[in-house]
Protein backbone atom coordinates (compact mmCIF):
# COMPACT_ATOMS: atom_id res chain seq x y z
CA MET A 1 -11.04 -14.52 15.36
CA LEU A 2 -13.14 -16.97 13.13
CA TYR A 3 -9.91 -18.65 12.18
CA TYR A 4 -9.66 -19.53 15.93
CA LEU A 5 -13.36 -20.32 16.44
CA PHE A 6 -13.35 -22.71 13.49
CA THR A 7 -10.05 -24.25 14.28
CA TYR A 8 -11.41 -25.03 17.91
CA LEU A 9 -14.69 -26.42 16.46
CA GLU A 10 -12.74 -28.45 13.99
CA ASN A 11 -10.24 -29.73 16.78
CA THR A 12 -12.89 -30.35 19.20
CA PHE A 13 -16.04 -31.71 17.48
CA HIS A 14 -14.54 -32.89 14.05
CA PRO A 15 -17.37 -31.63 12.22
CA PRO A 16 -17.03 -32.69 8.37
CA GLY A 17 -15.34 -29.79 6.24
CA PHE A 18 -14.34 -27.47 8.90
CA GLY A 19 -10.62 -28.49 8.04
CA VAL A 20 -10.78 -26.05 5.12
CA PHE A 21 -10.46 -23.23 7.66
CA LYS A 22 -6.70 -24.24 8.19
CA TYR A 23 -5.81 -23.55 4.51
CA ILE A 24 -4.45 -20.17 3.71
CA THR A 25 -6.00 -20.10 0.32
CA PHE A 26 -9.52 -20.59 1.69
CA ARG A 27 -8.90 -17.72 4.22
CA ALA A 28 -7.64 -15.66 1.66
CA GLY A 29 -10.78 -15.77 -0.50
CA ALA A 30 -12.89 -15.38 2.41
CA ALA A 31 -11.10 -12.33 3.45
CA THR A 32 -11.37 -11.04 -0.03
CA VAL A 33 -15.19 -11.39 0.00
CA THR A 34 -15.50 -10.10 3.53
CA ALA A 35 -13.52 -7.13 2.59
CA LEU A 36 -15.67 -6.17 -0.39
CA PHE A 37 -18.89 -7.12 1.66
CA ILE A 38 -17.63 -4.43 4.51
CA ALA A 39 -16.83 -1.90 1.96
CA PHE A 40 -20.26 -2.06 0.27
CA VAL A 41 -21.92 -1.85 3.49
CA ILE A 42 -20.04 0.82 5.43
CA GLY A 43 -19.15 2.72 2.34
CA PRO A 44 -22.24 4.39 1.78
CA LYS A 45 -22.70 5.40 5.56
CA ILE A 46 -19.36 6.80 5.76
CA ILE A 47 -19.86 8.94 2.71
CA ARG A 48 -23.18 10.15 3.86
CA PHE A 49 -21.61 11.18 7.53
CA LEU A 50 -18.75 12.92 5.67
CA LYS A 51 -21.05 14.70 3.80
CA GLN A 52 -23.45 15.80 6.59
CA LYS A 53 -20.22 17.02 8.53
CA GLN A 54 -19.00 18.82 5.40
CA ILE A 55 -15.64 17.11 5.30
CA GLY A 56 -14.76 17.87 1.88
CA GLU A 57 -11.89 18.22 -0.34
CA ALA A 58 -10.76 21.88 -0.75
CA ALA A 59 -9.98 23.20 -4.18
CA LYS A 60 -6.32 22.35 -5.20
CA LEU A 61 -4.69 25.40 -6.69
CA GLU A 62 -1.63 23.20 -7.88
CA ALA A 63 -3.94 20.87 -9.85
CA PRO A 64 -5.38 21.38 -13.28
CA GLU A 65 -8.33 23.57 -13.49
CA THR A 66 -10.71 20.82 -14.24
CA HIS A 67 -10.10 19.59 -10.68
CA ARG A 68 -11.86 22.85 -9.34
CA LYS A 69 -15.23 21.20 -9.73
CA LYS A 70 -14.05 18.34 -7.25
CA ALA A 71 -14.07 20.75 -4.50
CA GLY A 72 -16.46 19.72 -1.68
CA THR A 73 -16.31 16.17 -2.46
CA PRO A 74 -15.93 14.13 0.89
CA THR A 75 -12.54 13.00 1.60
CA MET A 76 -10.88 11.04 4.45
CA GLY A 77 -12.41 7.84 2.76
CA GLY A 78 -9.48 5.92 3.62
CA ILE A 79 -11.47 4.85 6.61
CA ILE A 80 -13.29 2.62 4.28
CA VAL A 81 -10.34 1.19 2.79
CA LEU A 82 -8.68 0.62 6.40
CA ALA A 83 -11.68 -0.88 7.99
CA ALA A 84 -12.52 -3.07 4.87
CA THR A 85 -8.97 -4.31 5.10
CA LEU A 86 -8.28 -4.78 8.84
CA LEU A 87 -11.54 -6.38 9.94
CA PRO A 88 -11.21 -9.30 7.44
CA VAL A 89 -7.52 -9.77 8.80
CA LEU A 90 -8.96 -9.78 12.29
CA LEU A 91 -11.60 -12.24 11.40
CA TRP A 92 -9.65 -14.63 8.98
CA ALA A 93 -5.94 -14.50 10.05
CA ASP A 94 -3.75 -15.84 12.66
CA ILE A 95 -3.26 -12.83 14.65
CA LYS A 96 -0.73 -14.12 16.75
CA ASN A 97 1.35 -14.41 13.80
CA GLY A 98 4.44 -11.83 13.73
CA TYR A 99 4.09 -10.80 10.35
CA ILE A 100 0.25 -10.24 10.66
CA LEU A 101 0.97 -7.97 14.11
CA LEU A 102 3.72 -6.25 12.11
CA MET A 103 1.26 -5.13 9.33
CA LEU A 104 -1.50 -4.18 11.88
CA PHE A 105 0.83 -1.98 13.59
CA VAL A 106 1.99 -0.23 10.07
CA SER A 107 -1.61 0.30 8.86
CA LEU A 108 -2.88 1.82 12.07
CA ALA A 109 0.23 4.06 12.51
CA PHE A 110 0.33 5.37 9.04
CA SER A 111 -3.32 5.72 8.86
CA THR A 112 -3.17 7.86 12.36
CA VAL A 113 -0.47 10.25 10.87
CA GLY A 114 -2.79 10.44 7.41
CA PHE A 115 -5.79 11.25 9.55
CA ILE A 116 -4.07 13.86 11.55
CA ASP A 117 -2.91 15.49 8.17
CA ASP A 118 -6.48 15.20 6.85
CA TYR A 119 -8.02 16.86 10.07
CA LEU A 120 -5.68 19.61 10.07
CA LYS A 121 -6.34 20.34 6.36
CA VAL A 122 -10.23 19.64 6.47
CA ILE A 123 -11.55 20.21 9.85
CA LEU A 124 -8.97 23.27 10.99
CA LYS A 125 -8.83 24.33 7.63
CA LYS A 126 -5.07 24.44 7.56
CA PRO A 127 -4.18 24.23 3.60
CA LYS A 128 -0.85 22.39 4.11
CA GLY A 129 -1.98 20.08 6.70
CA MET A 130 0.78 18.79 9.00
CA ILE A 131 4.23 20.31 8.42
CA GLU A 132 6.24 18.22 6.34
CA ARG A 133 8.85 17.72 9.00
CA ASP A 134 6.32 16.27 11.50
CA LYS A 135 4.79 13.96 9.07
CA LEU A 136 8.35 12.85 8.12
CA VAL A 137 9.02 12.46 11.73
CA GLY A 138 6.03 10.21 12.01
CA GLN A 139 6.92 8.04 9.10
CA ILE A 140 10.47 7.65 10.28
CA LEU A 141 9.40 6.43 13.79
CA VAL A 142 7.08 3.76 12.26
CA GLY A 143 9.92 2.64 9.86
CA SER A 144 12.25 2.46 12.75
CA VAL A 145 10.05 0.17 14.66
CA VAL A 146 9.63 -2.02 11.95
CA GLY A 147 13.41 -2.10 11.21
CA SER A 148 14.36 -2.67 14.71
CA VAL A 149 12.01 -5.69 14.95
CA ILE A 150 13.42 -7.33 12.02
CA TYR A 151 17.02 -6.67 12.90
CA PHE A 152 17.12 -7.36 16.53
CA PHE A 153 14.01 -9.54 16.95
CA PRO A 154 14.16 -11.71 13.95
CA GLN A 155 12.68 -14.75 15.76
CA PHE A 156 9.54 -12.73 16.37
CA LEU A 157 8.65 -13.18 12.65
CA ASP A 158 10.19 -16.46 11.88
CA GLU A 159 12.99 -18.77 12.65
CA ASN A 160 14.38 -18.57 9.19
CA PHE A 161 14.42 -14.52 9.55
CA GLN A 162 17.61 -15.24 11.96
CA VAL A 163 19.61 -16.37 8.85
CA LEU A 164 18.34 -13.82 6.27
CA LYS A 165 17.80 -10.91 8.82
CA SER A 166 19.44 -7.95 7.06
CA SER A 167 19.84 -9.61 3.66
CA THR A 168 17.56 -9.56 0.75
CA ILE A 169 16.73 -11.02 -2.71
CA VAL A 170 18.31 -9.46 -5.86
CA PRO A 171 15.83 -10.05 -8.78
CA PHE A 172 17.15 -11.89 -11.70
CA VAL A 173 20.36 -13.15 -9.74
CA LYS A 174 20.38 -16.54 -8.78
CA ASN A 175 21.80 -17.85 -5.35
CA TYR A 176 22.71 -14.40 -4.37
CA TYR A 177 21.54 -12.10 -1.28
CA PHE A 178 22.56 -8.52 -0.84
CA ASP A 179 23.39 -7.88 2.98
CA PHE A 180 22.65 -4.32 4.02
CA SER A 181 24.35 -5.09 7.14
CA TYR A 182 24.34 -1.97 9.64
CA PHE A 183 22.25 0.02 6.90
CA TYR A 184 19.42 -2.19 7.26
CA ILE A 185 17.41 -0.17 9.47
CA PRO A 186 17.76 2.88 7.64
CA MET A 187 17.09 1.10 4.40
CA VAL A 188 13.78 -0.04 6.10
CA ILE A 189 13.00 3.47 7.16
CA PHE A 190 13.82 4.70 3.49
CA VAL A 191 11.33 2.31 1.73
CA ILE A 192 8.44 2.58 3.97
CA THR A 193 8.66 6.43 4.01
CA ALA A 194 9.35 6.43 0.28
CA THR A 195 6.33 3.92 -0.60
CA SER A 196 3.78 5.81 1.55
CA ASN A 197 4.60 9.13 0.02
CA ALA A 198 4.75 7.82 -3.41
CA VAL A 199 1.28 6.29 -3.07
CA ASN A 200 0.24 9.45 -1.49
CA LEU A 201 1.48 11.25 -4.64
CA THR A 202 -0.55 9.02 -6.92
CA ASP A 203 -3.82 9.61 -5.24
CA GLY A 204 -4.63 12.73 -7.33
CA LEU A 205 -7.19 10.84 -9.90
CA ASP A 206 -10.34 9.26 -9.37
CA GLY A 207 -9.57 5.56 -8.86
CA LEU A 208 -5.90 5.68 -9.70
CA ALA A 209 -4.60 4.96 -6.46
CA ALA A 210 -7.06 2.39 -5.29
CA GLY A 211 -6.91 0.42 -8.73
CA THR A 212 -3.01 0.27 -8.68
CA VAL A 213 -2.65 -0.46 -5.08
CA GLY A 214 -5.20 -3.56 -5.82
CA ILE A 215 -3.03 -4.69 -8.84
CA VAL A 216 0.21 -4.53 -6.59
CA ALA A 217 -1.68 -6.20 -3.66
CA ILE A 218 -2.69 -9.27 -5.92
CA THR A 219 0.89 -9.72 -6.92
CA LEU A 220 1.99 -9.31 -3.38
CA ALA A 221 -0.49 -12.02 -2.40
CA ILE A 222 1.16 -14.60 -4.67
CA ILE A 223 4.64 -13.69 -3.51
CA CYS A 224 3.81 -14.03 0.11
CA TYR A 225 2.07 -17.47 -0.63
CA VAL A 226 4.84 -18.60 -2.54
CA SER A 227 7.50 -17.57 0.31
CA GLY A 228 5.47 -19.28 2.97
CA ASN A 229 5.20 -22.61 0.92
CA ALA A 230 8.13 -24.82 1.52
CA ILE A 231 7.97 -26.89 -1.84
CA VAL A 232 7.18 -23.89 -4.03
CA ALA A 233 9.58 -21.57 -2.50
CA LYS A 234 12.51 -24.28 -2.98
CA TYR A 235 11.35 -24.69 -6.67
CA LEU A 236 11.72 -21.02 -7.35
CA ASN A 237 14.92 -20.80 -5.45
CA LEU A 238 13.41 -18.46 -2.89
CA PRO A 239 13.95 -18.19 0.79
CA PHE A 240 11.48 -20.24 2.75
CA LEU A 241 9.68 -18.20 5.28
CA HIS A 242 7.57 -20.29 7.30
CA GLU A 243 4.87 -17.95 8.75
CA SER A 244 5.07 -15.43 5.93
CA GLY A 245 2.18 -17.15 3.97
CA GLU A 246 -0.37 -15.60 6.43
CA LEU A 247 0.66 -12.09 4.96
CA THR A 248 -1.56 -13.64 1.82
CA ILE A 249 -4.73 -12.83 3.78
CA TYR A 250 -3.82 -9.43 4.59
CA CYS A 251 -2.70 -8.84 0.73
CA THR A 252 -6.07 -10.44 -0.42
CA ALA A 253 -8.10 -8.41 2.24
CA LEU A 254 -6.46 -5.45 0.57
CA VAL A 255 -7.36 -6.60 -2.58
CA GLY A 256 -10.98 -6.70 -1.74
CA ALA A 257 -11.16 -3.58 0.15
CA SER A 258 -9.26 -1.67 -2.93
CA LEU A 259 -11.89 -3.16 -5.18
CA GLY A 260 -14.92 -2.00 -2.61
CA PHE A 261 -13.59 1.56 -2.18
CA LEU A 262 -13.02 1.81 -6.10
CA TRP A 263 -16.74 1.24 -6.50
CA PHE A 264 -17.17 4.56 -4.85
CA ASN A 265 -14.01 6.35 -5.81
CA SER A 266 -14.31 5.52 -9.56
CA HIS A 267 -14.79 8.54 -12.00
CA PRO A 268 -16.60 10.83 -10.79
CA ALA A 269 -15.71 10.02 -7.34
CA GLU A 270 -18.10 10.29 -4.67
CA VAL A 271 -15.19 10.19 -2.02
CA PHE A 272 -11.83 10.74 -1.81
CA MET A 273 -8.93 8.42 0.08
CA GLY A 274 -7.06 11.24 1.49
CA ASP A 275 -3.70 10.80 3.47
CA THR A 276 -5.81 8.61 5.79
CA GLY A 277 -5.81 6.00 3.11
CA SER A 278 -3.02 6.50 0.81
CA LEU A 279 -0.28 6.86 3.52
CA ALA A 280 -1.39 3.73 5.10
CA LEU A 281 -1.61 1.86 1.92
CA GLY A 282 1.71 2.90 0.82
CA GLY A 283 3.34 1.93 4.22
CA ALA A 284 1.70 -1.57 4.15
CA ILE A 285 2.98 -1.97 0.59
CA GLY A 286 6.61 -0.90 1.42
CA THR A 287 6.39 -3.15 4.54
CA MET A 288 5.12 -6.26 2.93
CA CYS A 289 8.09 -5.97 0.48
CA ILE A 290 10.37 -5.93 3.22
CA LEU A 291 9.12 -8.81 4.94
CA VAL A 292 9.10 -11.03 1.95
CA LYS A 293 12.61 -9.73 1.24
CA GLN A 294 11.58 -7.99 -2.10
CA GLU A 295 12.85 -4.53 -1.64
CA PHE A 296 14.72 -4.26 -4.85
CA LEU A 297 11.56 -5.63 -6.64
CA LEU A 298 9.81 -2.59 -5.33
CA PRO A 299 10.60 -0.13 -8.23
CA ILE A 300 9.35 -2.66 -10.80
CA LEU A 301 6.03 -3.88 -8.83
CA GLY A 302 5.36 -0.21 -7.84
CA GLY A 303 6.43 1.14 -10.97
CA ILE A 304 3.58 3.45 -11.15
CA PHE A 305 4.19 4.98 -7.62
CA PHE A 306 7.99 5.14 -8.45
CA VAL A 307 7.51 7.29 -11.79
CA GLU A 308 5.17 9.59 -10.18
CA THR A 309 7.59 10.27 -7.45
CA VAL A 310 10.64 10.64 -10.06
CA SER A 311 8.34 13.21 -11.95
CA VAL A 312 7.68 15.39 -8.95
CA ILE A 313 11.60 15.17 -7.85
CA ILE A 314 12.78 16.11 -11.47
CA GLN A 315 10.26 18.83 -11.65
CA ARG A 316 10.97 20.49 -8.32
CA TYR A 317 14.85 20.20 -8.71
CA TYR A 318 15.11 21.34 -12.32
CA PHE A 319 12.70 24.30 -11.53
CA LYS A 320 15.14 25.32 -8.73
CA TYR A 321 18.22 24.70 -10.84
CA THR A 322 16.98 26.97 -13.87
CA ARG A 323 15.63 29.59 -11.49
CA ASN A 324 19.35 30.02 -10.26
CA LYS A 325 20.99 29.81 -13.25
CA TYR A 326 18.47 31.78 -15.75
CA GLY A 327 16.56 33.77 -13.18
CA GLU A 328 13.18 31.91 -13.78
CA GLY A 329 12.28 28.68 -13.15
CA ARG A 330 11.52 26.11 -16.12
CA ARG A 331 9.64 22.80 -16.00
CA VAL A 332 10.28 19.44 -17.64
CA PHE A 333 6.55 18.45 -17.23
CA ARG A 334 3.67 20.74 -17.85
CA MET A 335 2.59 19.85 -14.39
CA ALA A 336 3.55 17.27 -11.78
CA PRO A 337 3.12 14.46 -10.46
CA LEU A 338 2.89 12.95 -14.17
CA HIS A 339 -0.81 12.26 -14.42
CA HIS A 340 -1.46 15.74 -14.33
CA HIS A 341 0.98 16.23 -17.22
CA PHE A 342 -1.11 13.92 -19.28
CA GLU A 343 -4.33 15.89 -18.08
CA MET A 344 -2.70 19.21 -19.21
CA GLN A 345 -1.99 17.40 -22.60
CA GLY A 346 -5.57 16.87 -23.13
CA TRP A 347 -5.97 13.31 -21.87
CA SER A 348 -9.35 12.70 -19.98
CA GLU A 349 -9.25 11.39 -16.46
CA PRO A 350 -10.72 8.02 -16.86
CA LYS A 351 -8.30 7.43 -20.10
CA ILE A 352 -5.16 8.15 -17.73
CA VAL A 353 -6.41 5.79 -15.19
CA MET A 354 -6.95 2.78 -17.43
CA ARG A 355 -3.83 3.26 -19.26
CA PHE A 356 -2.04 3.29 -15.78
CA TYR A 357 -3.82 0.38 -14.73
CA ILE A 358 -2.51 -1.49 -17.99
CA ILE A 359 0.93 -0.50 -17.15
CA ALA A 360 0.42 -1.73 -13.49
CA ILE A 361 -0.61 -4.96 -14.89
CA LEU A 362 2.32 -5.28 -17.23
CA LEU A 363 4.67 -4.64 -14.24
CA MET A 364 2.84 -7.02 -12.29
CA ILE A 365 3.67 -9.73 -14.78
CA VAL A 366 7.27 -8.70 -14.89
CA SER A 367 7.42 -8.92 -11.29
CA LEU A 368 6.14 -12.45 -10.96
CA ALA A 369 8.44 -13.38 -14.16
CA THR A 370 11.33 -12.56 -11.94
CA LEU A 371 10.46 -15.16 -9.31
CA LYS A 372 10.90 -17.80 -12.02
CA LEU A 373 13.82 -16.13 -13.91
CA ARG A 374 16.08 -16.68 -10.63
């Protein structure tokens, strides 16, 4: 909204210096600072409210014993991340932009699903929260809306989207786009659902999900800006999506919000994100990759989330297989997701988180390198 205000003032009164508000780079920086400020201001208040209402994390029996002492720590702190992301976007982005509208929808929809899950677990004391089937239905519905908008109404986003529509970039391959054709909407549903659940699984150690999401968001901010810049996109042989540059502001707001939340979520955590935050952040990351045609890059860019999810899948199916074959279930990892495996091996929680950060930064570099290697 500030974007419209300053644009109006600049066009009407022509005050010196106000033209800077038209630039995405300036507004992206402003969104980051605003997000940090909002997180620092509302964070303590929300944490205090959660403590007063005794909205705390229940002891997780499936986690290592060291996590038992975390019982009672305020949860549903994803509200902090969500507010610190969306408010700067509303202030600094062009909210008439189709990409921004779609991101706002995804963020609010997934946070609603996560909030219901947290409410059932924490307030109504239902240990498993939402039934998995119901949660999956909610995620599929959101993915269906996103996929349908892109496939049937590409002009809502960008004129160039009508050409690409169901096609996507293939990393490391020049002048080739893979077309999902009639399978595009199912692909969108799968990517968004899988990514939201992957971030949710990663949210098991203090600061792990918030930090890795921030690193991924930095990468996506660069990719979104490049995709929306005709000169740079042409130089890197990427499709030029004229309106997609506005997504840079969402990404940088997410970076600021993640850093702000990390202030309270770093070890030992004062508040947990909960499904309210993790599902929304995962859904947002998946949607952004879809919008800038980087679906195939997601396993590299979100490598931490990908490996965490794969570890759970391997553990579950190997246990079932060995139980059916030998009469007792066996495990590949000492505990899944993967971060718990390292905990069981004696690694301290801060060491695991820091090493995962390092890996996430390396994957960020590799992801950005793929843009040039095409």
